[in-house]
Amino acid sequence: MAIVKKLTKIGNSSALVLDRPILGLLGINNETPVEISLGEDGKSLVIRQVSNEPSNRKLFKQALKEGNKRYAGAMKKLANK
């Protein structure tokens, strides 16, 4: 499904206005952070919602830090055997 839109001039810049039904369809609003990147063809823009959920790497690092803190004494005893 494609929608043809024109850019809107705002000062010295141009803006792409996303209508409320499009925002609702995507589940985003004015507060939602989005990432804009160049499409694979080099001639299109891709707009993606930035996830607020921590990445798996962040979750892993957090779990590792908590595990090290919680079991530091046991790890030291095991290392000395």
C-alpha atoms as a PDB file:
ATOM      1  CA  MET A   1       0.000   0.000   0.000  1.00  0.00           C
ATOM      2  CA  ALA A   2       1.472   3.349  -1.015  1.00  0.00           C
ATOM      3  CA  ILE A   3       0.360   6.839  -0.104  1.00  0.00           C
ATOM      4  CA  VAL A   4       1.588   9.838  -2.070  1.00  0.00           C
ATOM      5  CA  LYS A   5       2.429  12.825   0.120  1.00  0.00           C
ATOM      6  CA  LYS A   6       4.067  16.180  -0.535  1.00  0.00           C
ATOM      7  CA  LEU A   7       6.637  17.741   1.758  1.00  0.00           C
ATOM      8  CA  THR A   8       5.593  20.785   3.764  1.00  0.00           C
ATOM      9  CA  LYS A   9       7.897  23.814   3.981  1.00  0.00           C
ATOM     10  CA  ILE A  10       8.788  24.828   7.539  1.00  0.00           C
ATOM     11  CA  GLY A  11      11.262  27.723   7.607  1.00  0.00           C
ATOM     12  CA  ASN A  12      14.321  26.648   5.610  1.00  0.00           C
ATOM     13  CA  SER A  13      13.424  22.961   6.016  1.00  0.00           C
ATOM     14  CA  SER A  14      10.908  20.524   4.613  1.00  0.00           C
ATOM     15  CA  ALA A  15       8.749  18.189   6.693  1.00  0.00           C
ATOM     16  CA  LEU A  16       6.793  15.062   5.961  1.00  0.00           C
ATOM     17  CA  VAL A  17       3.495  15.274   7.835  1.00  0.00           C
ATOM     18  CA  LEU A  18       2.062  11.940   8.909  1.00  0.00           C
ATOM     19  CA  ASP A  19      -1.698  12.073   9.296  1.00  0.00           C
ATOM     20  CA  ARG A  20      -3.358  10.800  12.471  1.00  0.00           C
ATOM     21  CA  PRO A  21      -4.730   7.607  10.799  1.00  0.00           C
ATOM     22  CA  ILE A  22      -1.205   6.672   9.673  1.00  0.00           C
ATOM     23  CA  LEU A  23       0.175   7.296  13.175  1.00  0.00           C
ATOM     24  CA  GLY A  24      -2.620   5.175  14.638  1.00  0.00           C
ATOM     25  CA  LEU A  25      -1.948   2.385  12.165  1.00  0.00           C
ATOM     26  CA  LEU A  26       1.714   2.341  13.206  1.00  0.00           C
ATOM     27  CA  GLY A  27       0.939   2.722  16.910  1.00  0.00           C
ATOM     28  CA  ILE A  28       3.098   5.838  17.261  1.00  0.00           C
ATOM     29  CA  ASN A  29       2.530   9.448  18.315  1.00  0.00           C
ATOM     30  CA  ASN A  30       4.440  12.735  18.543  1.00  0.00           C
ATOM     31  CA  GLU A  31       6.429  11.425  21.524  1.00  0.00           C
ATOM     32  CA  THR A  32       7.575   8.195  19.840  1.00  0.00           C
ATOM     33  CA  PRO A  33      11.278   8.190  18.909  1.00  0.00           C
ATOM     34  CA  VAL A  34      11.857   7.114  15.317  1.00  0.00           C
ATOM     35  CA  GLU A  35      14.951   6.206  13.343  1.00  0.00           C
ATOM     36  CA  ILE A  36      15.304   7.396   9.750  1.00  0.00           C
ATOM     37  CA  SER A  37      17.667   5.523   7.455  1.00  0.00           C
ATOM     38  CA  LEU A  38      18.387   5.191   3.769  1.00  0.00           C
ATOM     39  CA  GLY A  39      16.702   2.278   2.005  1.00  0.00           C
ATOM     40  CA  GLU A  40      18.704  -0.461   0.309  1.00  0.00           C
ATOM     41  CA  ASP A  41      18.080   1.108  -3.099  1.00  0.00           C
ATOM     42  CA  GLY A  42      19.696   4.360  -1.937  1.00  0.00           C
ATOM     43  CA  LYS A  43      16.640   6.319  -3.098  1.00  0.00           C
ATOM     44  CA  SER A  44      14.120   5.702  -0.339  1.00  0.00           C
ATOM     45  CA  LEU A  45      13.779   6.512   3.338  1.00  0.00           C
ATOM     46  CA  VAL A  46      12.918   3.971   5.994  1.00  0.00           C
ATOM     47  CA  ILE A  47      11.260   5.263   9.157  1.00  0.00           C
ATOM     48  CA  ARG A  48      11.251   2.844  12.109  1.00  0.00           C
ATOM     49  CA  GLN A  49      10.041   3.120  15.646  1.00  0.00           C
ATOM     50  CA  VAL A  50      12.940   2.982  18.095  1.00  0.00           C
ATOM     51  CA  SER A  51      12.254   0.348  20.698  1.00  0.00           C
ATOM     52  CA  ASN A  52      12.312   1.484  24.299  1.00  0.00           C
ATOM     53  CA  GLU A  53      12.974  -2.083  25.419  1.00  0.00           C
ATOM     54  CA  PRO A  54      16.574  -2.886  26.303  1.00  0.00           C
ATOM     55  CA  SER A  55      18.411  -4.944  23.747  1.00  0.00           C
ATOM     56  CA  ASN A  56      19.414  -8.525  24.509  1.00  0.00           C
ATOM     57  CA  ARG A  57      23.003  -7.343  24.966  1.00  0.00           C
ATOM     58  CA  LYS A  58      21.957  -4.806  27.602  1.00  0.00           C
ATOM     59  CA  LEU A  59      19.827  -7.411  29.367  1.00  0.00           C
ATOM     60  CA  PHE A  60      22.749  -9.851  29.347  1.00  0.00           C
ATOM     61  CA  LYS A  61      25.187  -7.278  30.735  1.00  0.00           C
ATOM     62  CA  GLN A  62      22.727  -6.331  33.455  1.00  0.00           C
ATOM     63  CA  ALA A  63      22.156  -9.981  34.431  1.00  0.00           C
ATOM     64  CA  LEU A  64      25.921 -10.642  34.427  1.00  0.00           C
ATOM     65  CA  LYS A  65      26.577  -7.626  36.645  1.00  0.00           C
ATOM     66  CA  GLU A  66      23.877  -8.673  39.109  1.00  0.00           C
ATOM     67  CA  GLY A  67      25.123 -12.281  39.114  1.00  0.00           C
ATOM     68  CA  ASN A  68      28.712 -11.200  39.758  1.00  0.00           C
ATOM     69  CA  LYS A  69      27.592  -8.967  42.599  1.00  0.00           C
ATOM     70  CA  ARG A  70      25.363 -11.613  44.164  1.00  0.00           C
ATOM     71  CA  TYR A  71      27.772 -14.541  43.864  1.00  0.00           C
ATOM     72  CA  ALA A  72      31.128 -12.742  44.202  1.00  0.00           C
ATOM     73  CA  GLY A  73      32.033 -14.634  47.405  1.00  0.00           C
ATOM     74  CA  ALA A  74      31.216 -18.046  45.937  1.00  0.00           C
ATOM     75  CA  MET A  75      33.182 -17.239  42.766  1.00  0.00           C
ATOM     76  CA  LYS A  76      36.245 -16.252  44.820  1.00  0.00           C
ATOM     77  CA  LYS A  77      36.061 -19.507  46.793  1.00  0.00           C
ATOM     78  CA  LEU A  78      35.779 -21.542  43.584  1.00  0.00           C
ATOM     79  CA  ALA A  79      38.726 -19.679  42.036  1.00  0.00           C
ATOM     80  CA  ASN A  80      40.934 -20.487  45.041  1.00  0.00           C
ATOM     81  CA  LYS A  81      40.320 -24.250  44.888  1.00  0.00           C
END
